């Protein structure tokens, strides 16, 4: 009985290892594909964001590392969300007052030109 139980356990461990290897291979292929689809400039931006986030948190404890400012991280995430919305086709007239000011702070007074809009497209 014990021998059979140990054999089952060995088979389960072997299957788990094979599944993990398949998962890693699949993730590697996905990452390679996504990197080939992104322009170098975008890859660089994502790399910097990832490095900043990775260096800001202790994943084991789920806490911020010493010296990290949660407010600046929240602002960067909020700005990134607004930028992604514009990239996805959101017209600037639907932006809130705060979102417009975040874009000004992040990209300058003529931020709208980056997305091929004019000053007239921006709500007052």
PDB file of N, CA and C in Angstrom:
ATOM      1  N   UNK A   1       0.815  -1.188   0.000  1.00  0.00           N
ATOM      2  CA  UNK A   1       0.000   0.000   0.000  1.00  0.00           C
ATOM      3  C   UNK A   1       0.861   1.257   0.000  1.00  0.00           C
ATOM      4  N   UNK A   2       1.863   1.296   0.861  1.00  0.00           N
ATOM      5  CA  UNK A   2       2.731   2.457   0.942  1.00  0.00           C
ATOM      6  C   UNK A   2       3.494   2.626  -0.358  1.00  0.00           C
ATOM      7  N   UNK A   3       3.970   1.506  -0.931  1.00  0.00           N
ATOM      8  CA  UNK A   3       4.711   1.562  -2.185  1.00  0.00           C
ATOM      9  C   UNK A   3       3.845   2.163  -3.297  1.00  0.00           C
ATOM     10  N   UNK A   4       2.599   1.736  -3.386  1.00  0.00           N
ATOM     11  CA  UNK A   4       1.682   2.249  -4.396  1.00  0.00           C
ATOM     12  C   UNK A   4       1.452   3.742  -4.195  1.00  0.00           C
ATOM     13  N   UNK A   5       1.278   4.159  -2.965  1.00  0.00           N
ATOM     14  CA  UNK A   5       1.066   5.576  -2.659  1.00  0.00           C
ATOM     15  C   UNK A   5       2.282   6.412  -3.081  1.00  0.00           C
ATOM     16  N   UNK A   6       3.482   5.901  -2.801  1.00  0.00           N
ATOM     17  CA  UNK A   6       4.694   6.610  -3.202  1.00  0.00           C
ATOM     18  C   UNK A   6       4.813   6.685  -4.714  1.00  0.00           C
ATOM     19  N   UNK A   7       4.438   5.621  -5.414  1.00  0.00           N
ATOM     20  CA  UNK A   7       4.485   5.611  -6.878  1.00  0.00           C
ATOM     21  C   UNK A   7       3.532   6.678  -7.432  1.00  0.00           C
ATOM     22  N   UNK A   8       2.335   6.786  -6.878  1.00  0.00           N
ATOM     23  CA  UNK A   8       1.370   7.798  -7.327  1.00  0.00           C
ATOM     24  C   UNK A   8       1.933   9.197  -7.113  1.00  0.00           C
ATOM     25  N   UNK A   9       2.580   9.389  -5.972  1.00  0.00           N
ATOM     26  CA  UNK A   9       3.155  10.681  -5.651  1.00  0.00           C
ATOM     27  C   UNK A   9       4.256  11.030  -6.659  1.00  0.00           C
ATOM     28  N   UNK A  10       5.103  10.062  -7.020  1.00  0.00           N
ATOM     29  CA  UNK A  10       6.160  10.287  -8.007  1.00  0.00           C
ATOM     30  C   UNK A  10       5.575  10.664  -9.363  1.00  0.00           C
ATOM     31  N   UNK A  11       4.515   9.984  -9.752  1.00  0.00           N
ATOM     32  CA  UNK A  11       3.862  10.281 -11.030  1.00  0.00           C
ATOM     33  C   UNK A  11       3.283  11.689 -11.005  1.00  0.00           C
ATOM     34  N   UNK A  12       2.627  12.056  -9.901  1.00  0.00           N
ATOM     35  CA  UNK A  12       2.054  13.396  -9.782  1.00  0.00           C
ATOM     36  C   UNK A  12       3.131  14.481  -9.851  1.00  0.00           C
ATOM     37  N   UNK A  13       4.255  14.258  -9.179  1.00  0.00           N
ATOM     38  CA  UNK A  13       5.354  15.225  -9.206  1.00  0.00           C
ATOM     39  C   UNK A  13       5.896  15.352 -10.617  1.00  0.00           C
ATOM     40  N   UNK A  14       6.030  14.220 -11.307  1.00  0.00           N
ATOM     41  CA  UNK A  14       6.541  14.228 -12.679  1.00  0.00           C
ATOM     42  C   UNK A  14       5.580  14.991 -13.601  1.00  0.00           C
ATOM     43  N   UNK A  15       4.274  14.762 -13.426  1.00  0.00           N
ATOM     44  CA  UNK A  15       3.283  15.464 -14.249  1.00  0.00           C
ATOM     45  C   UNK A  15       3.305  16.959 -13.951  1.00  0.00           C
ATOM     46  N   UNK A  16       3.421  17.317 -12.667  1.00  0.00           N
ATOM     47  CA  UNK A  16       3.479  18.729 -12.294  1.00  0.00           C
ATOM     48  C   UNK A  16       4.698  19.399 -12.921  1.00  0.00           C
ATOM     49  N   UNK A  17       5.822  18.693 -12.921  1.00  0.00           N
ATOM     50  CA  UNK A  17       7.045  19.231 -13.503  1.00  0.00           C
ATOM     51  C   UNK A  17       6.873  19.434 -15.002  1.00  0.00           C
ATOM     52  N   UNK A  18       6.287  18.470 -15.676  1.00  0.00           N
ATOM     53  CA  UNK A  18       6.052  18.586 -17.124  1.00  0.00           C
ATOM     54  C   UNK A  18       5.089  19.730 -17.428  1.00  0.00           C
ATOM     55  N   UNK A  19       4.037  19.864 -16.622  1.00  0.00           N
ATOM     56  CA  UNK A  19       3.083  20.960 -16.825  1.00  0.00           C
ATOM     57  C   UNK A  19       3.756  22.306 -16.612  1.00  0.00           C
ATOM     58  N   UNK A  20       4.607  22.388 -15.618  1.00  0.00           N
ATOM     59  CA  UNK A  20       5.324  23.628 -15.340  1.00  0.00           C
ATOM     60  C   UNK A  20       6.258  23.973 -16.497  1.00  0.00           C
ATOM     61  N   UNK A  21       6.935  22.978 -17.047  1.00  0.00           N
ATOM     62  CA  UNK A  21       7.824  23.212 -18.187  1.00  0.00           C
ATOM     63  C   UNK A  21       7.031  23.695 -19.405  1.00  0.00           C
ATOM     64  N   UNK A  22       5.869  23.094 -19.647  1.00  0.00           N
ATOM     65  CA  UNK A  22       5.012  23.523 -20.758  1.00  0.00           C
ATOM     66  C   UNK A  22       4.537  24.956 -20.547  1.00  0.00           C
ATOM     67  N   UNK A  23       4.181  25.270 -19.298  1.00  0.00           N
ATOM     68  CA  UNK A  23       3.717  26.623 -18.978  1.00  0.00           C
ATOM     69  C   UNK A  23       4.824  27.634 -19.218  1.00  0.00           C
ATOM     70  N   UNK A  24       6.039  27.324 -18.770  1.00  0.00           N
ATOM     71  CA  UNK A  24       7.169  28.228 -18.966  1.00  0.00           C
ATOM     72  C   UNK A  24       7.473  28.412 -20.445  1.00  0.00           C
ATOM     73  N   UNK A  25       7.424  27.322 -21.203  1.00  0.00           N
ATOM     74  CA  UNK A  25       7.670  27.401 -22.643  1.00  0.00           C
ATOM     75  C   UNK A  25       6.616  28.267 -23.324  1.00  0.00           C
ATOM     76  N   UNK A  26       5.370  28.084 -22.916  1.00  0.00           N
ATOM     77  CA  UNK A  26       4.273  28.872 -23.483  1.00  0.00           C
ATOM     78  C   UNK A  26       4.444  30.356 -23.161  1.00  0.00           C
ATOM     79  N   UNK A  27       4.817  30.668 -21.913  1.00  0.00           N
ATOM     80  CA  UNK A  27       5.040  32.056 -21.530  1.00  0.00           C
ATOM     81  C   UNK A  27       6.209  32.671 -22.293  1.00  0.00           C
ATOM     82  N   UNK A  28       7.257  31.905 -22.496  1.00  0.00           N
ATOM     83  CA  UNK A  28       8.409  32.392 -23.248  1.00  0.00           C
ATOM     84  C   UNK A  28       8.011  32.731 -24.672  1.00  0.00           C
ATOM     85  N   UNK A  29       7.257  31.850 -25.310  1.00  0.00           N
ATOM     86  CA  UNK A  29       6.797  32.098 -26.685  1.00  0.00           C
ATOM     87  C   UNK A  29       5.908  33.335 -26.742  1.00  0.00           C
ATOM     88  N   UNK A  30       5.003  33.457 -25.754  1.00  0.00           N
ATOM     89  CA  UNK A  30       4.118  34.613 -25.708  1.00  0.00           C
ATOM     90  C   UNK A  30       4.911  35.902 -25.552  1.00  0.00           C
ATOM     91  N   UNK A  31       5.884  35.907 -24.630  1.00  0.00           N
ATOM     92  CA  UNK A  31       6.716  37.100 -24.416  1.00  0.00           C
ATOM     93  C   UNK A  31       7.500  37.465 -25.667  1.00  0.00           C
ATOM     94  N   UNK A  32       8.043  36.469 -26.356  1.00  0.00           N
ATOM     95  CA  UNK A  32       8.786  36.730 -27.585  1.00  0.00           C
ATOM     96  C   UNK A  32       7.877  37.336 -28.643  1.00  0.00           C
ATOM     97  N   UNK A  33       6.666  36.791 -28.754  1.00  0.00           N
ATOM     98  CA  UNK A  33       5.706  37.310 -29.736  1.00  0.00           C
ATOM     99  C   UNK A  33       5.329  38.753 -29.405  1.00  0.00           C
ATOM    100  N   UNK A  34       5.015  39.021 -28.132  1.00  0.00           N
ATOM    101  CA  UNK A  34       4.605  40.365 -27.739  1.00  0.00           C
ATOM    102  C   UNK A  34       5.740  41.365 -27.943  1.00  0.00           C
ATOM    103  N   UNK A  35       6.964  40.955 -27.657  1.00  0.00           N
ATOM    104  CA  UNK A  35       8.099  41.855 -27.848  1.00  0.00           C
ATOM    105  C   UNK A  35       8.305  42.161 -29.323  1.00  0.00           C
ATOM    106  N   UNK A  36       8.037  41.193 -30.178  1.00  0.00           N
ATOM    107  CA  UNK A  36       8.208  41.443 -31.614  1.00  0.00           C
ATOM    108  C   UNK A  36       7.123  42.379 -32.144  1.00  0.00           C
ATOM    109  N   UNK A  37       5.988  42.464 -31.452  1.00  0.00           N
ATOM    110  CA  UNK A  37       4.879  43.308 -31.898  1.00  0.00           C
ATOM    111  C   UNK A  37       5.021  44.757 -31.417  1.00  0.00           C
ATOM    112  N   UNK A  38       5.747  44.963 -30.320  1.00  0.00           N
ATOM    113  CA  UNK A  38       5.893  46.306 -29.770  1.00  0.00           C
ATOM    114  C   UNK A  38       7.083  47.033 -30.395  1.00  0.00           C
ATOM    115  N   UNK A  39       6.910  48.298 -30.720  1.00  0.00           N
ATOM    116  CA  UNK A  39       8.059  49.088 -31.165  1.00  0.00           C
ATOM    117  C   UNK A  39       9.083  49.190 -30.030  1.00  0.00           C
ATOM    118  N   UNK A  40      10.325  49.402 -30.373  1.00  0.00           N
ATOM    119  CA  UNK A  40      11.406  49.461 -29.390  1.00  0.00           C
ATOM    120  C   UNK A  40      11.123  50.513 -28.305  1.00  0.00           C
ATOM    121  N   UNK A  41      10.553  51.654 -28.710  1.00  0.00           N
ATOM    122  CA  UNK A  41      10.254  52.727 -27.751  1.00  0.00           C
ATOM    123  C   UNK A  41       9.258  52.262 -26.694  1.00  0.00           C
ATOM    124  N   UNK A  42       8.217  51.534 -27.124  1.00  0.00           N
ATOM    125  CA  UNK A  42       7.208  51.040 -26.189  1.00  0.00           C
ATOM    126  C   UNK A  42       7.800  49.966 -25.268  1.00  0.00           C
ATOM    127  N   UNK A  43       8.614  49.077 -25.829  1.00  0.00           N
ATOM    128  CA  UNK A  43       9.255  48.039 -25.019  1.00  0.00           C
ATOM    129  C   UNK A  43      10.098  48.669 -23.916  1.00  0.00           C
ATOM    130  N   UNK A  44      10.810  49.742 -24.286  1.00  0.00           N
ATOM    131  CA  UNK A  44      11.660  50.437 -23.323  1.00  0.00           C
ATOM    132  C   UNK A  44      10.816  51.050 -22.199  1.00  0.00           C
ATOM    133  N   UNK A  45       9.671  51.643 -22.562  1.00  0.00           N
ATOM    134  CA  UNK A  45       8.793  52.231 -21.549  1.00  0.00           C
ATOM    135  C   UNK A  45       8.294  51.165 -20.585  1.00  0.00           C
ATOM    136  N   UNK A  46       7.823  50.036 -21.133  1.00  0.00           N
ATOM    137  CA  UNK A  46       7.327  48.957 -20.281  1.00  0.00           C
ATOM    138  C   UNK A  46       8.434  48.386 -19.410  1.00  0.00           C
ATOM    139  N   UNK A  47       9.636  48.313 -19.952  1.00  0.00           N
ATOM    140  CA  UNK A  47      10.777  47.820 -19.188  1.00  0.00           C
ATOM    141  C   UNK A  47      11.033  48.719 -17.978  1.00  0.00           C
ATOM    142  N   UNK A  48      11.001  50.049 -18.205  1.00  0.00           N
ATOM    143  CA  UNK A  48      11.242  50.996 -17.111  1.00  0.00           C
ATOM    144  C   UNK A  48      10.138  50.910 -16.059  1.00  0.00           C
ATOM    145  N   UNK A  49       8.894  50.804 -16.513  1.00  0.00           N
ATOM    146  CA  UNK A  49       7.775  50.691 -15.572  1.00  0.00           C
ATOM    147  C   UNK A  49       7.923  49.421 -14.744  1.00  0.00           C
ATOM    148  N   UNK A  50       8.241  48.324 -15.411  1.00  0.00           N
ATOM    149  CA  UNK A  50       8.423  47.055 -14.701  1.00  0.00           C
ATOM    150  C   UNK A  50       9.541  47.117 -13.684  1.00  0.00           C
ATOM    151  N   UNK A  51      10.651  47.731 -14.075  1.00  0.00           N
ATOM    152  CA  UNK A  51      11.778  47.852 -13.141  1.00  0.00           C
ATOM    153  C   UNK A  51      11.403  48.697 -11.929  1.00  0.00           C
ATOM    154  N   UNK A  52      10.668  49.784 -12.179  1.00  0.00           N
ATOM    155  CA  UNK A  52      10.280  50.651 -11.069  1.00  0.00           C
ATOM    156  C   UNK A  52       9.325  49.929 -10.118  1.00  0.00           C
ATOM    157  N   UNK A  53       8.334  49.250 -10.691  1.00  0.00           N
ATOM    158  CA  UNK A  53       7.391  48.529  -9.843  1.00  0.00           C
ATOM    159  C   UNK A  53       8.075  47.390  -9.099  1.00  0.00           C
ATOM    160  N   UNK A  54       8.933  46.656  -9.793  1.00  0.00           N
ATOM    161  CA  UNK A  54       9.637  45.531  -9.169  1.00  0.00           C
ATOM    162  C   UNK A  54      10.519  46.006  -8.016  1.00  0.00           C
ATOM    163  N   UNK A  55      11.147  47.159  -8.197  1.00  0.00           N
ATOM    164  CA  UNK A  55      12.036  47.667  -7.149  1.00  0.00           C
ATOM    165  C   UNK A  55      11.271  48.387  -6.037  1.00  0.00           C
ATOM    166  N   UNK A  56       9.963  48.573  -6.205  1.00  0.00           N
ATOM    167  CA  UNK A  56       9.169  49.297  -5.215  1.00  0.00           C
ATOM    168  C   UNK A  56       8.491  48.394  -4.192  1.00  0.00           C
ATOM    169  N   UNK A  57       8.296  47.124  -4.541  1.00  0.00           N
ATOM    170  CA  UNK A  57       7.501  46.239  -3.692  1.00  0.00           C
ATOM    171  C   UNK A  57       8.291  45.021  -3.237  1.00  0.00           C
ATOM    172  N   UNK A  58       7.926  44.558  -2.051  1.00  0.00           N
ATOM    173  CA  UNK A  58       8.405  43.270  -1.568  1.00  0.00           C
ATOM    174  C   UNK A  58       7.267  42.291  -1.829  1.00  0.00           C
ATOM    175  N   UNK A  59       7.403  41.484  -2.866  1.00  0.00           N
ATOM    176  CA  UNK A  59       6.327  40.587  -3.269  1.00  0.00           C
ATOM    177  C   UNK A  59       6.044  39.517  -2.216  1.00  0.00           C
ATOM    178  N   UNK A  60       7.058  39.113  -1.470  1.00  0.00           N
ATOM    179  CA  UNK A  60       6.872  38.081  -0.445  1.00  0.00           C
ATOM    180  C   UNK A  60       5.994  38.589   0.697  1.00  0.00           C
ATOM    181  N   UNK A  61       6.218  39.837   1.095  1.00  0.00           N
ATOM    182  CA  UNK A  61       5.467  40.410   2.219  1.00  0.00           C
ATOM    183  C   UNK A  61       4.248  41.208   1.761  1.00  0.00           C
ATOM    184  N   UNK A  62       4.226  41.609   0.481  1.00  0.00           N
ATOM    185  CA  UNK A  62       3.125  42.416  -0.016  1.00  0.00           C
ATOM    186  C   UNK A  62       3.164  43.842   0.478  1.00  0.00           C
ATOM    187  N   UNK A  63       4.367  44.368   0.670  1.00  0.00           N
ATOM    188  CA  UNK A  63       4.512  45.725   1.199  1.00  0.00           C
ATOM    189  C   UNK A  63       5.456  46.541   0.315  1.00  0.00           C
ATOM    190  N   UNK A  64       5.389  47.851   0.487  1.00  0.00           N
ATOM    191  CA  UNK A  64       6.324  48.739  -0.195  1.00  0.00           C
ATOM    192  C   UNK A  64       7.685  48.646   0.467  1.00  0.00           C
ATOM    193  N   UNK A  65       8.722  48.781  -0.320  1.00  0.00           N
ATOM    194  CA  UNK A  65      10.065  48.824   0.241  1.00  0.00           C
ATOM    195  C   UNK A  65      10.320  50.207   0.834  1.00  0.00           C
ATOM    196  N   UNK A  66      11.248  50.296   1.729  1.00  0.00           N
ATOM    197  CA  UNK A  66      11.570  51.562   2.387  1.00  0.00           C
ATOM    198  C   UNK A  66      11.944  52.619   1.362  1.00  0.00           C
ATOM    199  N   UNK A  67      11.468  53.821   1.572  1.00  0.00           N
ATOM    200  CA  UNK A  67      11.813  54.937   0.696  1.00  0.00           C
ATOM    201  C   UNK A  67      10.914  55.072  -0.529  1.00  0.00           C
ATOM    202  N   UNK A  68       9.892  54.237  -0.665  1.00  0.00           N
ATOM    203  CA  UNK A  68       9.008  54.314  -1.817  1.00  0.00           C
ATOM    204  C   UNK A  68       7.768  55.137  -1.467  1.00  0.00           C
ATOM    205  N   UNK A  69       7.354  55.966  -2.414  1.00  0.00           N
ATOM    206  CA  UNK A  69       6.208  56.844  -2.213  1.00  0.00           C
ATOM    207  C   UNK A  69       5.000  56.278  -2.950  1.00  0.00           C
ATOM    208  N   UNK A  70       4.005  55.835  -2.201  1.00  0.00           N
ATOM    209  CA  UNK A  70       2.819  55.221  -2.800  1.00  0.00           C
ATOM    210  C   UNK A  70       2.044  56.221  -3.656  1.00  0.00           C
ATOM    211  N   UNK A  71       2.069  57.500  -3.291  1.00  0.00           N
ATOM    212  CA  UNK A  71       1.324  58.507  -4.056  1.00  0.00           C
ATOM    213  C   UNK A  71       1.909  58.683  -5.461  1.00  0.00           C
ATOM    214  N   UNK A  72       3.221  58.698  -5.590  1.00  0.00           N
ATOM    215  CA  UNK A  72       3.811  58.858  -6.920  1.00  0.00           C
ATOM    216  C   UNK A  72       3.521  57.642  -7.784  1.00  0.00           C
ATOM    217  N   UNK A  73       3.487  56.469  -7.160  1.00  0.00           N
ATOM    218  CA  UNK A  73       3.157  55.257  -7.912  1.00  0.00           C
ATOM    219  C   UNK A  73       1.716  55.324  -8.393  1.00  0.00           C
ATOM    220  N   UNK A  74       0.809  55.768  -7.532  1.00  0.00           N
ATOM    221  CA  UNK A  74      -0.602  55.887  -7.909  1.00  0.00           C
ATOM    222  C   UNK A  74      -0.778  56.896  -9.051  1.00  0.00           C
ATOM    223  N   UNK A  75      -0.069  58.017  -8.979  1.00  0.00           N
ATOM    224  CA  UNK A  75      -0.175  59.020 -10.046  1.00  0.00           C
ATOM    225  C   UNK A  75       0.345  58.475 -11.374  1.00  0.00           C
ATOM    226  N   UNK A  76       1.447  57.754 -11.324  1.00  0.00           N
ATOM    227  CA  UNK A  76       1.986  57.164 -12.548  1.00  0.00           C
ATOM    228  C   UNK A  76       1.020  56.153 -13.141  1.00  0.00           C
ATOM    229  N   UNK A  77       0.398  55.346 -12.295  1.00  0.00           N
ATOM    230  CA  UNK A  77      -0.576  54.374 -12.772  1.00  0.00           C
ATOM    231  C   UNK A  77      -1.791  55.074 -13.375  1.00  0.00           C
ATOM    232  N   UNK A  78      -2.247  56.144 -12.732  1.00  0.00           N
ATOM    233  CA  UNK A  78      -3.396  56.893 -13.243  1.00  0.00           C
ATOM    234  C   UNK A  78      -3.070  57.520 -14.593  1.00  0.00           C
ATOM    235  N   UNK A  79      -1.874  58.099 -14.714  1.00  0.00           N
ATOM    236  CA  UNK A  79      -1.462  58.692 -15.983  1.00  0.00           C
ATOM    237  C   UNK A  79      -1.364  57.612 -17.061  1.00  0.00           C
ATOM    238  N   UNK A  80      -0.807  56.472 -16.716  1.00  0.00           N
ATOM    239  CA  UNK A  80      -0.687  55.375 -17.681  1.00  0.00           C
ATOM    240  C   UNK A  80      -2.067  54.923 -18.157  1.00  0.00           C
ATOM    241  N   UNK A  81      -3.042  54.898 -17.253  1.00  0.00           N
ATOM    242  CA  UNK A  81      -4.404  54.511 -17.611  1.00  0.00           C
ATOM    243  C   UNK A  81      -5.005  55.502 -18.608  1.00  0.00           C
ATOM    244  N   UNK A  82      -4.818  56.797 -18.370  1.00  0.00           N
ATOM    245  CA  UNK A  82      -5.345  57.829 -19.267  1.00  0.00           C
ATOM    246  C   UNK A  82      -4.666  57.728 -20.635  1.00  0.00           C
ATOM    247  N   UNK A  83      -3.369  57.520 -20.638  1.00  0.00           N
ATOM    248  CA  UNK A  83      -2.618  57.404 -21.893  1.00  0.00           C
ATOM    249  C   UNK A  83      -3.108  56.198 -22.691  1.00  0.00           C
ATOM    250  N   UNK A  84      -3.304  55.080 -22.023  1.00  0.00           N
ATOM    251  CA  UNK A  84      -3.794  53.885 -22.723  1.00  0.00           C
ATOM    252  C   UNK A  84      -5.193  54.120 -23.287  1.00  0.00           C
ATOM    253  N   UNK A  85      -6.012  54.877 -22.573  1.00  0.00           N
ATOM    254  CA  UNK A  85      -7.355  55.204 -23.070  1.00  0.00           C
ATOM    255  C   UNK A  85      -7.271  56.032 -24.337  1.00  0.00           C
ATOM    256  N   UNK A  86      -6.367  57.006 -24.367  1.00  0.00           N
ATOM    257  CA  UNK A  86      -6.188  57.824 -25.568  1.00  0.00           C
ATOM    258  C   UNK A  86      -5.664  56.978 -26.733  1.00  0.00           C
ATOM    259  N   UNK A  87      -4.737  56.083 -26.435  1.00  0.00           N
ATOM    260  CA  UNK A  87      -4.205  55.201 -27.482  1.00  0.00           C
ATOM    261  C   UNK A  87      -5.294  54.309 -28.052  1.00  0.00           C
ATOM    262  N   UNK A  88      -6.241  53.925 -27.193  1.00  0.00           N
ATOM    263  CA  UNK A  88      -7.327  53.047 -27.622  1.00  0.00           C
ATOM    264  C   UNK A  88      -8.416  53.799 -28.377  1.00  0.00           C
ATOM    265  N   UNK A  89      -8.286  55.133 -28.459  1.00  0.00           N
ATOM    266  CA  UNK A  89      -9.242  55.899 -29.252  1.00  0.00           C
ATOM    267  C   UNK A  89     -10.171  56.810 -28.483  1.00  0.00           C
ATOM    268  N   UNK A  90      -9.998  56.925 -27.188  1.00  0.00           N
ATOM    269  CA  UNK A  90     -10.845  57.836 -26.412  1.00  0.00           C
ATOM    270  C   UNK A  90     -10.591  59.265 -26.874  1.00  0.00           C
ATOM    271  N   UNK A  91     -11.646  59.991 -27.191  1.00  0.00           N
ATOM    272  CA  UNK A  91     -11.515  61.387 -27.609  1.00  0.00           C
ATOM    273  C   UNK A  91     -11.276  62.248 -26.367  1.00  0.00           C
ATOM    274  N   UNK A  92     -10.381  63.233 -26.471  1.00  0.00           N
ATOM    275  CA  UNK A  92     -10.056  64.080 -25.310  1.00  0.00           C
ATOM    276  C   UNK A  92     -11.248  64.803 -24.701  1.00  0.00           C
ATOM    277  N   UNK A  93     -12.316  65.015 -25.452  1.00  0.00           N
ATOM    278  CA  UNK A  93     -13.473  65.721 -24.877  1.00  0.00           C
ATOM    279  C   UNK A  93     -14.106  64.922 -23.735  1.00  0.00           C
ATOM    280  N   UNK A  94     -13.800  63.627 -23.645  1.00  0.00           N
ATOM    281  CA  UNK A  94     -14.356  62.800 -22.581  1.00  0.00           C
ATOM    282  C   UNK A  94     -13.442  62.707 -21.361  1.00  0.00           C
ATOM    283  N   UNK A  95     -12.325  63.395 -21.400  1.00  0.00           N
ATOM    284  CA  UNK A  95     -11.410  63.386 -20.260  1.00  0.00           C
ATOM    285  C   UNK A  95     -11.922  64.321 -19.166  1.00  0.00           C
ATOM    286  N   UNK A  96     -11.613  63.975 -17.930  1.00  0.00           N
ATOM    287  CA  UNK A  96     -11.996  64.834 -16.817  1.00  0.00           C
ATOM    288  C   UNK A  96     -10.962  65.947 -16.660  1.00  0.00           C
ATOM    289  N   UNK A  97     -11.310  66.911 -15.871  1.00  0.00           N
ATOM    290  CA  UNK A  97     -10.423  68.035 -15.562  1.00  0.00           C
ATOM    291  C   UNK A  97      -9.095  67.519 -14.994  1.00  0.00           C
ATOM    292  N   UNK A  98      -9.185  66.596 -14.044  1.00  0.00           N
ATOM    293  CA  UNK A  98      -7.983  66.038 -13.416  1.00  0.00           C
ATOM    294  C   UNK A  98      -7.126  65.265 -14.408  1.00  0.00           C
ATOM    295  N   UNK A  99      -7.760  64.512 -15.295  1.00  0.00           N
ATOM    296  CA  UNK A  99      -7.006  63.739 -16.283  1.00  0.00           C
ATOM    297  C   UNK A  99      -6.245  64.662 -17.239  1.00  0.00           C
ATOM    298  N   UNK A 100      -6.875  65.750 -17.622  1.00  0.00           N
ATOM    299  CA  UNK A 100      -6.211  66.716 -18.506  1.00  0.00           C
ATOM    300  C   UNK A 100      -4.999  67.322 -17.800  1.00  0.00           C
ATOM    301  N   UNK A 101      -5.146  67.646 -16.526  1.00  0.00           N
ATOM    302  CA  UNK A 101      -4.020  68.212 -15.779  1.00  0.00           C
ATOM    303  C   UNK A 101      -2.891  67.196 -15.574  1.00  0.00           C
ATOM    304  N   UNK A 102      -3.238  65.932 -15.415  1.00  0.00           N
ATOM    305  CA  UNK A 102      -2.201  64.895 -15.331  1.00  0.00           C
ATOM    306  C   UNK A 102      -1.427  64.813 -16.645  1.00  0.00           C
ATOM    307  N   UNK A 103      -2.153  64.886 -17.762  1.00  0.00           N
ATOM    308  CA  UNK A 103      -1.497  64.838 -19.066  1.00  0.00           C
ATOM    309  C   UNK A 103      -0.593  66.054 -19.268  1.00  0.00           C
ATOM    310  N   UNK A 104      -1.058  67.221 -18.835  1.00  0.00           N
ATOM    311  CA  UNK A 104      -0.216  68.429 -18.928  1.00  0.00           C
ATOM    312  C   UNK A 104       1.056  68.270 -18.104  1.00  0.00           C
ATOM    313  N   UNK A 105       0.910  67.737 -16.910  1.00  0.00           N
ATOM    314  CA  UNK A 105       2.068  67.550 -16.041  1.00  0.00           C
ATOM    315  C   UNK A 105       3.040  66.522 -16.622  1.00  0.00           C
ATOM    316  N   UNK A 106       2.499  65.498 -17.256  1.00  0.00           N
ATOM    317  CA  UNK A 106       3.345  64.437 -17.784  1.00  0.00           C
ATOM    318  C   UNK A 106       3.932  64.714 -19.155  1.00  0.00           C
ATOM    319  N   UNK A 107       3.193  65.426 -20.001  1.00  0.00           N
ATOM    320  CA  UNK A 107       3.612  65.603 -21.397  1.00  0.00           C
ATOM    321  C   UNK A 107       3.736  67.056 -21.837  1.00  0.00           C
ATOM    322  N   UNK A 108       3.449  68.001 -20.969  1.00  0.00           N
ATOM    323  CA  UNK A 108       3.558  69.412 -21.322  1.00  0.00           C
ATOM    324  C   UNK A 108       2.226  69.987 -21.773  1.00  0.00           C
ATOM    325  N   UNK A 109       2.214  71.297 -21.998  1.00  0.00           N
ATOM    326  CA  UNK A 109       0.975  72.005 -22.332  1.00  0.00           C
ATOM    327  C   UNK A 109       0.359  71.563 -23.655  1.00  0.00           C
ATOM    328  N   UNK A 110       1.158  71.097 -24.580  1.00  0.00           N
ATOM    329  CA  UNK A 110       0.627  70.672 -25.878  1.00  0.00           C
ATOM    330  C   UNK A 110       0.614  69.147 -25.989  1.00  0.00           C
ATOM    331  N   UNK A 111       0.214  68.488 -24.914  1.00  0.00           N
ATOM    332  CA  UNK A 111       0.171  67.032 -24.845  1.00  0.00           C
ATOM    333  C   UNK A 111      -0.700  66.424 -25.932  1.00  0.00           C
ATOM    334  N   UNK A 112      -1.751  67.116 -26.316  1.00  0.00           N
ATOM    335  CA  UNK A 112      -2.732  66.602 -27.276  1.00  0.00           C
ATOM    336  C   UNK A 112      -2.122  66.350 -28.651  1.00  0.00           C
ATOM    337  N   UNK A 113      -1.048  67.046 -28.985  1.00  0.00           N
ATOM    338  CA  UNK A 113      -0.402  66.857 -30.288  1.00  0.00           C
ATOM    339  C   UNK A 113       0.186  65.454 -30.429  1.00  0.00           C
ATOM    340  N   UNK A 114       0.549  64.861 -29.305  1.00  0.00           N
ATOM    341  CA  UNK A 114       1.105  63.504 -29.321  1.00  0.00           C
ATOM    342  C   UNK A 114       0.098  62.506 -29.901  1.00  0.00           C
ATOM    343  N   UNK A 115      -1.195  62.799 -29.734  1.00  0.00           N
ATOM    344  CA  UNK A 115      -2.248  61.920 -30.237  1.00  0.00           C
ATOM    345  C   UNK A 115      -2.984  62.551 -31.421  1.00  0.00           C
ATOM    346  N   UNK A 116      -2.344  63.517 -32.056  1.00  0.00           N
ATOM    347  CA  UNK A 116      -2.868  64.164 -33.262  1.00  0.00           C
ATOM    348  C   UNK A 116      -4.195  64.888 -33.059  1.00  0.00           C
ATOM    349  N   UNK A 117      -4.330  65.536 -31.910  1.00  0.00           N
ATOM    350  CA  UNK A 117      -5.500  66.375 -31.672  1.00  0.00           C
ATOM    351  C   UNK A 117      -5.074  67.826 -31.662  1.00  0.00           C
ATOM    352  N   UNK A 118      -6.063  68.711 -31.765  1.00  0.00           N
ATOM    353  CA  UNK A 118      -5.762  70.138 -31.720  1.00  0.00           C
ATOM    354  C   UNK A 118      -6.293  70.727 -30.417  1.00  0.00           C
ATOM    355  N   UNK A 119      -5.926  71.960 -30.155  1.00  0.00           N
ATOM    356  CA  UNK A 119      -6.369  72.640 -28.929  1.00  0.00           C
ATOM    357  C   UNK A 119      -7.878  72.717 -28.852  1.00  0.00           C
ATOM    358  N   UNK A 120      -8.531  72.808 -30.011  1.00  0.00           N
ATOM    359  CA  UNK A 120     -10.000  72.896 -30.048  1.00  0.00           C
ATOM    360  C   UNK A 120     -10.671  71.591 -29.594  1.00  0.00           C
ATOM    361  N   UNK A 121      -9.953  70.478 -29.661  1.00  0.00           N
ATOM    362  CA  UNK A 121     -10.514  69.189 -29.241  1.00  0.00           C
ATOM    363  C   UNK A 121     -10.547  69.022 -27.727  1.00  0.00           C
ATOM    364  N   UNK A 122      -9.829  69.908 -27.020  1.00  0.00           N
ATOM    365  CA  UNK A 122      -9.688  69.770 -25.573  1.00  0.00           C
ATOM    366  C   UNK A 122     -10.755  70.622 -24.885  1.00  0.00           C
ATOM    367  N   UNK A 123     -11.497  70.017 -23.934  1.00  0.00           N
ATOM    368  CA  UNK A 123     -12.521  70.809 -23.216  1.00  0.00           C
ATOM    369  C   UNK A 123     -11.845  71.844 -22.329  1.00  0.00           C
ATOM    370  N   UNK A 124     -12.539  72.947 -22.092  1.00  0.00           N
ATOM    371  CA  UNK A 124     -11.987  74.019 -21.246  1.00  0.00           C
ATOM    372  C   UNK A 124     -12.085  73.692 -19.807  1.00  0.00           C
TER     373      UNK A 124
END
